PDB file of N, CA and C in Angstrom:
ATOM      1  N   MET A   1     -67.887  92.682 -25.115  1.00  0.00           N
ATOM      2  CA  MET A   1     -68.949  92.792 -23.766  1.00  0.00           C
ATOM      3  C   MET A   1     -68.076  92.176 -22.624  1.00  0.00           C
ATOM      4  N   LEU A   2     -68.441  93.040 -21.789  1.00  0.00           N
ATOM      5  CA  LEU A   2     -67.960  92.438 -20.303  1.00  0.00           C
ATOM      6  C   LEU A   2     -68.863  91.504 -19.695  1.00  0.00           C
ATOM      7  N   TYR A   3     -68.281  90.452 -19.326  1.00  0.00           N
ATOM      8  CA  TYR A   3     -69.521  89.113 -18.335  1.00  0.00           C
ATOM      9  C   TYR A   3     -68.510  89.273 -17.170  1.00  0.00           C
ATOM     10  N   THR A   4     -69.219  89.738 -16.368  1.00  0.00           N
ATOM     11  CA  THR A   4     -69.029  89.594 -14.714  1.00  0.00           C
ATOM     12  C   THR A   4     -69.838  88.088 -14.253  1.00  0.00           C
ATOM     13  N   TYR A   5     -68.661  87.567 -13.525  1.00  0.00           N
ATOM     14  CA  TYR A   5     -69.440  85.910 -13.325  1.00  0.00           C
ATOM     15  C   TYR A   5     -68.811  86.232 -12.133  1.00  0.00           C
ATOM     16  N   SER A   6     -70.000  86.002 -11.141  1.00  0.00           N
ATOM     17  CA  SER A   6     -70.281  86.073  -9.575  1.00  0.00           C
ATOM     18  C   SER A   6     -70.508  84.511  -8.819  1.00  0.00           C
ATOM     19  N   VAL A   7     -70.496  83.461  -9.718  1.00  0.00           N
ATOM     20  CA  VAL A   7     -71.124  82.062  -9.010  1.00  0.00           C
ATOM     21  C   VAL A   7     -69.953  81.131  -9.086  1.00  0.00           C
ATOM     22  N   SER A   8     -70.123  80.152  -8.388  1.00  0.00           N
ATOM     23  CA  SER A   8     -69.095  79.182  -8.438  1.00  0.00           C
ATOM     24  C   SER A   8     -69.179  78.483  -9.531  1.00  0.00           C
ATOM     25  N   ILE A   9     -68.390  78.167 -10.185  1.00  0.00           N
ATOM     26  CA  ILE A   9     -68.419  77.199 -11.689  1.00  0.00           C
ATOM     27  C   ILE A   9     -69.268  76.072 -11.100  1.00  0.00           C
ATOM     28  N   TYR A  10     -69.064  75.689 -10.466  1.00  0.00           N
ATOM     29  CA  TYR A  10     -69.589  74.462  -9.967  1.00  0.00           C
ATOM     30  C   TYR A  10     -71.385  74.562  -9.703  1.00  0.00           C
ATOM     31  N   GLN A  11     -71.476  75.484  -9.541  1.00  0.00           N
ATOM     32  CA  GLN A  11     -73.297  76.049  -9.402  1.00  0.00           C
ATOM     33  C   GLN A  11     -73.593  76.822 -10.285  1.00  0.00           C
ATOM     34  N   SER A  12     -73.358  76.591 -11.461  1.00  0.00           N
ATOM     35  CA  SER A  12     -73.632  77.671 -12.547  1.00  0.00           C
ATOM     36  C   SER A  12     -74.033  76.352 -13.767  1.00  0.00           C
ATOM     37  N   ASP A  13     -74.403  77.090 -15.080  1.00  0.00           N
ATOM     38  CA  ASP A  13     -74.340  76.396 -16.159  1.00  0.00           C
ATOM     39  C   ASP A  13     -73.255  77.091 -16.768  1.00  0.00           C
ATOM     40  N   LEU A  14     -72.207  76.567 -16.698  1.00  0.00           N
ATOM     41  CA  LEU A  14     -70.895  76.931 -17.090  1.00  0.00           C
ATOM     42  C   LEU A  14     -71.103  76.733 -18.857  1.00  0.00           C
ATOM     43  N   GLU A  15     -71.572  75.687 -18.939  1.00  0.00           N
ATOM     44  CA  GLU A  15     -71.519  75.055 -20.304  1.00  0.00           C
ATOM     45  C   GLU A  15     -72.308  76.312 -21.295  1.00  0.00           C
ATOM     46  N   ALA A  16     -73.288  76.821 -20.687  1.00  0.00           N
ATOM     47  CA  ALA A  16     -73.836  77.923 -21.441  1.00  0.00           C
ATOM     48  C   ALA A  16     -73.452  79.048 -21.217  1.00  0.00           C
ATOM     49  N   PHE A  17     -72.659  79.303 -20.140  1.00  0.00           N
ATOM     50  CA  PHE A  17     -71.936  80.380 -20.027  1.00  0.00           C
ATOM     51  C   PHE A  17     -70.787  80.811 -21.314  1.00  0.00           C
ATOM     52  N   LEU A  18     -70.026  79.748 -21.173  1.00  0.00           N
ATOM     53  CA  LEU A  18     -68.924  79.447 -22.365  1.00  0.00           C
ATOM     54  C   LEU A  18     -69.471  79.770 -23.689  1.00  0.00           C
ATOM     55  N   SER A  19     -70.718  79.081 -24.121  1.00  0.00           N
ATOM     56  CA  SER A  19     -71.007  79.783 -25.218  1.00  0.00           C
ATOM     57  C   SER A  19     -71.200  80.864 -25.799  1.00  0.00           C
ATOM     58  N   LEU A  20     -71.694  81.489 -25.096  1.00  0.00           N
ATOM     59  CA  LEU A  20     -71.972  83.021 -25.075  1.00  0.00           C
ATOM     60  C   LEU A  20     -70.864  83.793 -25.363  1.00  0.00           C
ATOM     61  N   LEU A  21     -69.179  83.424 -25.203  1.00  0.00           N
ATOM     62  CA  LEU A  21     -68.234  84.048 -25.033  1.00  0.00           C
ATOM     63  C   LEU A  21     -67.654  84.275 -26.675  1.00  0.00           C
ATOM     64  N   THR A  22     -67.015  85.215 -27.042  1.00  0.00           N
ATOM     65  CA  THR A  22     -66.038  85.232 -28.208  1.00  0.00           C
ATOM     66  C   THR A  22     -65.057  85.938 -28.264  1.00  0.00           C
ATOM     67  N   LYS A  23     -63.997  86.192 -28.589  1.00  0.00           N
ATOM     68  CA  LYS A  23     -62.995  86.788 -28.850  1.00  0.00           C
ATOM     69  C   LYS A  23     -62.690  88.217 -28.423  1.00  0.00           C
ATOM     70  N   GLU A  24     -63.704  89.010 -28.422  1.00  0.00           N
ATOM     71  CA  GLU A  24     -63.929  89.942 -28.384  1.00  0.00           C
ATOM     72  C   GLU A  24     -64.387  90.722 -26.934  1.00  0.00           C
ATOM     73  N   ASP A  25     -64.721  89.666 -26.125  1.00  0.00           N
ATOM     74  CA  ASP A  25     -65.128  89.805 -24.733  1.00  0.00           C
ATOM     75  C   ASP A  25     -63.980  89.750 -23.683  1.00  0.00           C
ATOM     76  N   ASP A  26     -64.237  90.218 -22.342  1.00  0.00           N
ATOM     77  CA  ASP A  26     -63.287  90.283 -21.406  1.00  0.00           C
ATOM     78  C   ASP A  26     -64.274  89.561 -20.380  1.00  0.00           C
ATOM     79  N   VAL A  27     -64.025  88.638 -19.267  1.00  0.00           N
ATOM     80  CA  VAL A  27     -64.458  87.982 -18.287  1.00  0.00           C
ATOM     81  C   VAL A  27     -64.204  88.659 -16.958  1.00  0.00           C
ATOM     82  N   LEU A  28     -64.780  89.187 -16.073  1.00  0.00           N
ATOM     83  CA  LEU A  28     -64.441  89.435 -14.695  1.00  0.00           C
ATOM     84  C   LEU A  28     -65.059  88.944 -13.597  1.00  0.00           C
ATOM     85  N   LEU A  29     -63.916  88.181 -12.853  1.00  0.00           N
ATOM     86  CA  LEU A  29     -64.611  87.314 -11.855  1.00  0.00           C
ATOM     87  C   LEU A  29     -64.570  87.654 -10.292  1.00  0.00           C
ATOM     88  N   ILE A  30     -65.892  88.140 -10.026  1.00  0.00           N
ATOM     89  CA  ILE A  30     -66.046  88.546  -8.666  1.00  0.00           C
ATOM     90  C   ILE A  30     -67.088  87.700  -7.743  1.00  0.00           C
ATOM     91  N   GLN A  31     -67.267  87.920  -6.529  1.00  0.00           N
ATOM     92  CA  GLN A  31     -67.856  87.084  -5.587  1.00  0.00           C
ATOM     93  C   GLN A  31     -67.355  85.733  -5.535  1.00  0.00           C
ATOM     94  N   ASP A  32     -68.172  84.543  -5.616  1.00  0.00           N
ATOM     95  CA  ASP A  32     -67.875  83.333  -5.600  1.00  0.00           C
ATOM     96  C   ASP A  32     -67.024  83.139  -6.612  1.00  0.00           C
ATOM     97  N   GLY A  33     -67.441  83.757  -7.709  1.00  0.00           N
ATOM     98  CA  GLY A  33     -66.571  83.666  -8.977  1.00  0.00           C
ATOM     99  C   GLY A  33     -65.410  83.508  -9.280  1.00  0.00           C
ATOM    100  N   VAL A  34     -64.812  84.231  -8.505  1.00  0.00           N
ATOM    101  CA  VAL A  34     -63.221  84.100  -8.008  1.00  0.00           C
ATOM    102  C   VAL A  34     -62.603  82.793  -7.813  1.00  0.00           C
ATOM    103  N   LEU A  35     -63.738  82.009  -7.470  1.00  0.00           N
ATOM    104  CA  LEU A  35     -63.115  80.365  -7.425  1.00  0.00           C
ATOM    105  C   LEU A  35     -62.396  80.142  -8.657  1.00  0.00           C
ATOM    106  N   ALA A  36     -62.768  80.597  -9.621  1.00  0.00           N
ATOM    107  CA  ALA A  36     -62.332  80.234 -11.142  1.00  0.00           C
ATOM    108  C   ALA A  36     -60.871  80.652 -11.312  1.00  0.00           C
ATOM    109  N   VAL A  37     -60.335  81.186 -10.370  1.00  0.00           N
ATOM    110  CA  VAL A  37     -58.896  81.656 -10.486  1.00  0.00           C
ATOM    111  C   VAL A  37     -57.774  80.731 -10.309  1.00  0.00           C
ATOM    112  N   LEU A  38     -58.218  79.503  -9.858  1.00  0.00           N
ATOM    113  CA  LEU A  38     -57.067  78.353  -9.586  1.00  0.00           C
ATOM    114  C   LEU A  38     -57.265  77.541 -10.982  1.00  0.00           C
ATOM    115  N   ASP A  39     -55.620  77.543 -11.236  1.00  0.00           N
ATOM    116  CA  ASP A  39     -55.106  76.766 -12.478  1.00  0.00           C
ATOM    117  C   ASP A  39     -56.196  75.460 -12.622  1.00  0.00           C
ATOM    118  N   ASP A  40     -56.759  75.103 -14.140  1.00  0.00           N
ATOM    119  CA  ASP A  40     -57.007  73.701 -14.486  1.00  0.00           C
ATOM    120  C   ASP A  40     -58.537  73.687 -14.219  1.00  0.00           C
ATOM    121  N   ASN A  41     -59.187  74.698 -14.173  1.00  0.00           N
ATOM    122  CA  ASN A  41     -60.560  74.553 -14.185  1.00  0.00           C
ATOM    123  C   ASN A  41     -60.945  74.865 -15.506  1.00  0.00           C
ATOM    124  N   PRO A  42     -62.253  74.617 -15.639  1.00  0.00           N
ATOM    125  CA  PRO A  42     -62.946  74.747 -17.373  1.00  0.00           C
ATOM    126  C   PRO A  42     -63.350  75.565 -17.621  1.00  0.00           C
ATOM    127  N   LEU A  43     -63.522  76.984 -16.646  1.00  0.00           N
ATOM    128  CA  LEU A  43     -63.769  78.357 -17.419  1.00  0.00           C
ATOM    129  C   LEU A  43     -62.050  78.951 -17.872  1.00  0.00           C
ATOM    130  N   LEU A  44     -61.357  78.870 -17.005  1.00  0.00           N
ATOM    131  CA  LEU A  44     -59.970  79.486 -17.320  1.00  0.00           C
ATOM    132  C   LEU A  44     -59.509  78.985 -18.559  1.00  0.00           C
ATOM    133  N   LYS A  45     -59.634  77.581 -18.561  1.00  0.00           N
ATOM    134  CA  LYS A  45     -59.277  76.561 -19.691  1.00  0.00           C
ATOM    135  C   LYS A  45     -59.742  77.117 -20.844  1.00  0.00           C
ATOM    136  N   TYR A  46     -61.066  77.269 -21.088  1.00  0.00           N
ATOM    137  CA  TYR A  46     -61.659  77.585 -22.246  1.00  0.00           C
ATOM    138  C   TYR A  46     -60.973  79.396 -22.814  1.00  0.00           C
ATOM    139  N   CYS A  47     -60.989  79.829 -21.411  1.00  0.00           N
ATOM    140  CA  CYS A  47     -60.973  81.171 -21.937  1.00  0.00           C
ATOM    141  C   CYS A  47     -59.357  81.318 -22.274  1.00  0.00           C
ATOM    142  N   LEU A  48     -58.686  80.821 -22.131  1.00  0.00           N
ATOM    143  CA  LEU A  48     -57.065  80.576 -22.456  1.00  0.00           C
ATOM    144  C   LEU A  48     -57.070  80.252 -24.286  1.00  0.00           C
ATOM    145  N   GLN A  49     -57.722  79.168 -24.031  1.00  0.00           N
ATOM    146  CA  GLN A  49     -57.996  78.639 -25.889  1.00  0.00           C
ATOM    147  C   GLN A  49     -58.712  79.439 -26.701  1.00  0.00           C
ATOM    148  N   GLN A  50     -59.347  80.296 -26.209  1.00  0.00           N
ATOM    149  CA  GLN A  50     -60.030  81.660 -27.295  1.00  0.00           C
ATOM    150  C   GLN A  50     -59.651  82.793 -27.117  1.00  0.00           C
ATOM    151  N   GLN A  51     -58.311  82.861 -26.489  1.00  0.00           N
ATOM    152  CA  GLN A  51     -57.602  84.116 -26.326  1.00  0.00           C
ATOM    153  C   GLN A  51     -58.720  85.587 -25.473  1.00  0.00           C
ATOM    154  N   ILE A  52     -59.052  85.038 -24.600  1.00  0.00           N
ATOM    155  CA  ILE A  52     -60.262  86.019 -23.921  1.00  0.00           C
ATOM    156  C   ILE A  52     -59.625  86.147 -22.805  1.00  0.00           C
ATOM    157  N   SER A  53     -59.840  87.509 -22.221  1.00  0.00           N
ATOM    158  CA  SER A  53     -58.999  87.805 -21.172  1.00  0.00           C
ATOM    159  C   SER A  53     -59.942  87.692 -20.219  1.00  0.00           C
ATOM    160  N   VAL A  54     -59.216  87.171 -18.695  1.00  0.00           N
ATOM    161  CA  VAL A  54     -59.834  87.056 -17.731  1.00  0.00           C
ATOM    162  C   VAL A  54     -59.476  87.663 -16.603  1.00  0.00           C
ATOM    163  N   TYR A  55     -60.373  88.476 -15.609  1.00  0.00           N
ATOM    164  CA  TYR A  55     -59.479  89.568 -14.916  1.00  0.00           C
ATOM    165  C   TYR A  55     -60.364  88.892 -12.865  1.00  0.00           C
ATOM    166  N   ALA A  56     -59.836  89.254 -12.363  1.00  0.00           N
ATOM    167  CA  ALA A  56     -60.224  88.557 -11.081  1.00  0.00           C
ATOM    168  C   ALA A  56     -60.640  90.088  -9.868  1.00  0.00           C
ATOM    169  N   LEU A  57     -61.391  90.340  -9.368  1.00  0.00           N
ATOM    170  CA  LEU A  57     -61.080  91.220  -8.360  1.00  0.00           C
ATOM    171  C   LEU A  57     -60.476  91.217  -7.323  1.00  0.00           C
ATOM    172  N   ILE A  58     -59.707  91.879  -6.995  1.00  0.00           N
ATOM    173  CA  ILE A  58     -58.596  91.863  -5.808  1.00  0.00           C
ATOM    174  C   ILE A  58     -59.276  91.295  -4.523  1.00  0.00           C
ATOM    175  N   ASP A  59     -60.260  92.316  -4.150  1.00  0.00           N
ATOM    176  CA  ASP A  59     -61.003  91.963  -2.883  1.00  0.00           C
ATOM    177  C   ASP A  59     -61.787  90.796  -2.443  1.00  0.00           C
ATOM    178  N   ASP A  60     -62.057  90.347  -3.725  1.00  0.00           N
ATOM    179  CA  ASP A  60     -62.675  88.914  -3.584  1.00  0.00           C
ATOM    180  C   ASP A  60     -62.019  87.805  -3.738  1.00  0.00           C
ATOM    181  N   VAL A  61     -60.875  87.879  -4.158  1.00  0.00           N
ATOM    182  CA  VAL A  61     -59.306  87.173  -4.102  1.00  0.00           C
ATOM    183  C   VAL A  61     -59.238  86.788  -2.636  1.00  0.00           C
ATOM    184  N   LEU A  62     -58.805  88.387  -2.019  1.00  0.00           N
ATOM    185  CA  LEU A  62     -58.219  88.583  -0.636  1.00  0.00           C
ATOM    186  C   LEU A  62     -59.425  87.442   0.334  1.00  0.00           C
ATOM    187  N   ALA A  63     -60.609  87.905   0.080  1.00  0.00           N
ATOM    188  CA  ALA A  63     -61.661  87.768   1.306  1.00  0.00           C
ATOM    189  C   ALA A  63     -61.861  86.311   0.973  1.00  0.00           C
ATOM    190  N   ARG A  64     -61.462  85.504   0.222  1.00  0.00           N
ATOM    191  CA  ARG A  64     -61.443  84.022   0.202  1.00  0.00           C
ATOM    192  C   ARG A  64     -59.913  83.370   0.290  1.00  0.00           C
ATOM    193  N   GLY A  65     -59.311  84.069   0.662  1.00  0.00           N
ATOM    194  CA  GLY A  65     -58.012  83.596   0.919  1.00  0.00           C
ATOM    195  C   GLY A  65     -57.348  82.869  -0.322  1.00  0.00           C
ATOM    196  N   LEU A  66     -57.607  83.453  -1.419  1.00  0.00           N
ATOM    197  CA  LEU A  66     -57.138  83.097  -2.352  1.00  0.00           C
ATOM    198  C   LEU A  66     -55.741  83.465  -3.049  1.00  0.00           C
ATOM    199  N   LYS A  67     -55.263  84.453  -2.666  1.00  0.00           N
ATOM    200  CA  LYS A  67     -54.143  85.178  -3.393  1.00  0.00           C
ATOM    201  C   LYS A  67     -53.201  84.539  -3.555  1.00  0.00           C
ATOM    202  N   ASP A  68     -52.579  83.296  -2.723  1.00  0.00           N
ATOM    203  CA  ASP A  68     -51.403  82.761  -3.383  1.00  0.00           C
ATOM    204  C   ASP A  68     -51.926  81.297  -4.430  1.00  0.00           C
ATOM    205  N   GLN A  69     -52.739  81.201  -4.799  1.00  0.00           N
ATOM    206  CA  GLN A  69     -53.110  80.227  -5.698  1.00  0.00           C
ATOM    207  C   GLN A  69     -53.890  80.780  -6.769  1.00  0.00           C
ATOM    208  N   VAL A  70     -54.184  81.980  -7.146  1.00  0.00           N
ATOM    209  CA  VAL A  70     -54.126  82.625  -8.228  1.00  0.00           C
ATOM    210  C   VAL A  70     -53.592  82.441  -9.822  1.00  0.00           C
ATOM    211  N   SER A  71     -53.824  81.736 -10.498  1.00  0.00           N
ATOM    212  CA  SER A  71     -53.583  81.425 -11.949  1.00  0.00           C
ATOM    213  C   SER A  71     -52.674  82.562 -12.192  1.00  0.00           C
ATOM    214  N   HIS A  72     -51.664  82.198 -12.762  1.00  0.00           N
ATOM    215  CA  HIS A  72     -50.524  83.709 -13.837  1.00  0.00           C
ATOM    216  C   HIS A  72     -51.533  84.033 -14.866  1.00  0.00           C
ATOM    217  N   HIS A  73     -52.611  83.577 -15.255  1.00  0.00           N
ATOM    218  CA  HIS A  73     -53.088  84.010 -16.602  1.00  0.00           C
ATOM    219  C   HIS A  73     -54.573  84.839 -16.044  1.00  0.00           C
ATOM    220  N   ILE A  74     -54.756  85.199 -14.832  1.00  0.00           N
ATOM    221  CA  ILE A  74     -55.443  86.015 -14.282  1.00  0.00           C
ATOM    222  C   ILE A  74     -54.747  87.264 -14.000  1.00  0.00           C
ATOM    223  N   LYS A  75     -55.967  88.241 -14.418  1.00  0.00           N
ATOM    224  CA  LYS A  75     -55.052  89.748 -14.068  1.00  0.00           C
ATOM    225  C   LYS A  75     -55.748  90.050 -12.777  1.00  0.00           C
ATOM    226  N   LEU A  76     -55.211  90.584 -11.854  1.00  0.00           N
ATOM    227  CA  LEU A  76     -56.008  90.919 -10.866  1.00  0.00           C
ATOM    228  C   LEU A  76     -56.089  92.523 -10.567  1.00  0.00           C
ATOM    229  N   ILE A  77     -57.545  92.988 -10.565  1.00  0.00           N
ATOM    230  CA  ILE A  77     -57.702  93.930 -10.461  1.00  0.00           C
ATOM    231  C   ILE A  77     -58.538  94.775  -9.563  1.00  0.00           C
ATOM    232  N   ASN A  78     -58.440  95.697  -9.208  1.00  0.00           N
ATOM    233  CA  ASN A  78     -59.080  96.697  -8.044  1.00  0.00           C
ATOM    234  C   ASN A  78     -60.379  97.250  -8.564  1.00  0.00           C
ATOM    235  N   TYR A  79     -61.064  98.156  -7.776  1.00  0.00           N
ATOM    236  CA  TYR A  79     -62.267  98.626  -8.334  1.00  0.00           C
ATOM    237  C   TYR A  79     -62.051  99.898  -9.674  1.00  0.00           C
ATOM    238  N   GLY A  80     -61.275 100.478  -9.618  1.00  0.00           N
ATOM    239  CA  GLY A  80     -60.660 101.387 -10.205  1.00  0.00           C
ATOM    240  C   GLY A  80     -61.058 100.782 -11.707  1.00  0.00           C
ATOM    241  N   ASP A  81     -60.158  99.857 -11.938  1.00  0.00           N
ATOM    242  CA  ASP A  81     -59.878  99.067 -12.946  1.00  0.00           C
ATOM    243  C   ASP A  81     -61.266  98.624 -13.462  1.00  0.00           C
ATOM    244  N   PHE A  82     -61.922  97.978 -12.456  1.00  0.00           N
ATOM    245  CA  PHE A  82     -63.323  97.849 -12.697  1.00  0.00           C
ATOM    246  C   PHE A  82     -64.228  98.405 -13.475  1.00  0.00           C
ATOM    247  N   VAL A  83     -64.123  99.832 -13.044  1.00  0.00           N
ATOM    248  CA  VAL A  83     -64.856 100.910 -13.858  1.00  0.00           C
ATOM    249  C   VAL A  83     -64.163 101.134 -15.061  1.00  0.00           C
ATOM    250  N   ASP A  84     -62.624 101.142 -15.238  1.00  0.00           N
ATOM    251  CA  ASP A  84     -62.286 100.999 -16.412  1.00  0.00           C
ATOM    252  C   ASP A  84     -62.865  99.999 -17.913  1.00  0.00           C
ATOM    253  N   LEU A  85     -63.161  98.585 -17.117  1.00  0.00           N
ATOM    254  CA  LEU A  85     -63.547  97.644 -18.215  1.00  0.00           C
ATOM    255  C   LEU A  85     -64.992  98.001 -18.564  1.00  0.00           C
ATOM    256  N   THR A  86     -65.874  98.791 -17.794  1.00  0.00           N
ATOM    257  CA  THR A  86     -67.113  98.975 -17.631  1.00  0.00           C
ATOM    258  C   THR A  86     -66.975 100.523 -18.877  1.00  0.00           C
ATOM    259  N   VAL A  87     -66.411 100.749 -18.862  1.00  0.00           N
ATOM    260  CA  VAL A  87     -65.831 102.172 -20.124  1.00  0.00           C
ATOM    261  C   VAL A  87     -65.417 101.665 -21.256  1.00  0.00           C
ATOM    262  N   LYS A  88     -64.657 100.601 -21.248  1.00  0.00           N
ATOM    263  CA  LYS A  88     -64.395  99.818 -22.294  1.00  0.00           C
ATOM    264  C   LYS A  88     -65.239  99.140 -22.841  1.00  0.00           C
ATOM    265  N   HIS A  89     -66.124  98.446 -22.374  1.00  0.00           N
ATOM    266  CA  HIS A  89     -67.530  97.779 -22.580  1.00  0.00           C
ATOM    267  C   HIS A  89     -68.478  98.277 -22.289  1.00  0.00           C
ATOM    268  N   THR A  90     -69.422  98.563 -23.415  1.00  0.00           N
ATOM    269  CA  THR A  90     -70.392  99.734 -23.279  1.00  0.00           C
ATOM    270  C   THR A  90     -71.498  98.499 -22.900  1.00  0.00           C
ATOM    271  N   GLN A  91     -71.485  97.326 -23.595  1.00  0.00           N
ATOM    272  CA  GLN A  91     -72.479  96.044 -23.414  1.00  0.00           C
ATOM    273  C   GLN A  91     -71.658  95.458 -22.273  1.00  0.00           C
ATOM    274  N   GLN A  92     -72.781  94.802 -21.371  1.00  0.00           N
ATOM    275  CA  GLN A  92     -72.359  94.124 -19.827  1.00  0.00           C
ATOM    276  C   GLN A  92     -73.345  93.365 -19.707  1.00  0.00           C
ATOM    277  N   ILE A  93     -73.060  92.115 -19.302  1.00  0.00           N
ATOM    278  CA  ILE A  93     -73.796  90.944 -18.720  1.00  0.00           C
ATOM    279  C   ILE A  93     -73.310  90.311 -17.247  1.00  0.00           C
ATOM    280  N   HIS A  94     -74.251  90.452 -16.704  1.00  0.00           N
ATOM    281  CA  HIS A  94     -73.912  89.743 -15.336  1.00  0.00           C
ATOM    282  C   HIS A  94     -73.997  88.229 -15.264  1.00  0.00           C
ATOM    283  N   TRP A  95     -73.383  87.318 -14.834  1.00  0.00           N
ATOM    284  CA  TRP A  95     -73.730  85.726 -14.616  1.00  0.00           C
ATOM    285  C   TRP A  95     -73.648  85.337 -13.281  1.00  0.00           C
ATOM    286  N   GLY A  96     -74.804  85.095 -12.850  1.00  0.00           N
ATOM    287  CA  GLY A  96     -74.823  84.791 -11.554  1.00  0.00           C
ATOM    288  C   GLY A  96     -76.252  84.375 -10.807  1.00  0.00           C
ATOM    289  N   ALA A  97     -75.850  84.008  -9.520  1.00  0.00           N
ATOM    290  CA  ALA A  97     -77.196  83.833  -9.149  1.00  0.00           C
ATOM    291  C   ALA A  97     -78.238  85.277  -8.597  1.00  0.00           C
TER     292      ALA A  97
END
C-alpha cells in the first residue's frame, strides 16, 4: 500500500499511523509531511527499523527550504515518480488533515 502523509508529524496521531504500516508499504511525504525528512524523527526511525521505503516530493521539500537537511535515507522524487508509485500500489491511503 502507498501511504501519502501530508501533515507535520507533530500535528497528527503518529502512533496510529505507524501502527498501520507493513514491510510491503511505501510512505510518500507531501505538503507539510515533508518535515519528516529530517534525521532523528520518529516516523523515519520507525520506517528504517521496519525496512519501509520513505519518499518525499522534491517540490514540497524545496518549498519549505529543507533540501540541504534531507536525511540520506529519504528518496526525493518528482511528480512522474509519484505516478509510478501509484501504479506500483493499487491501494493507497492519504494521511492528513
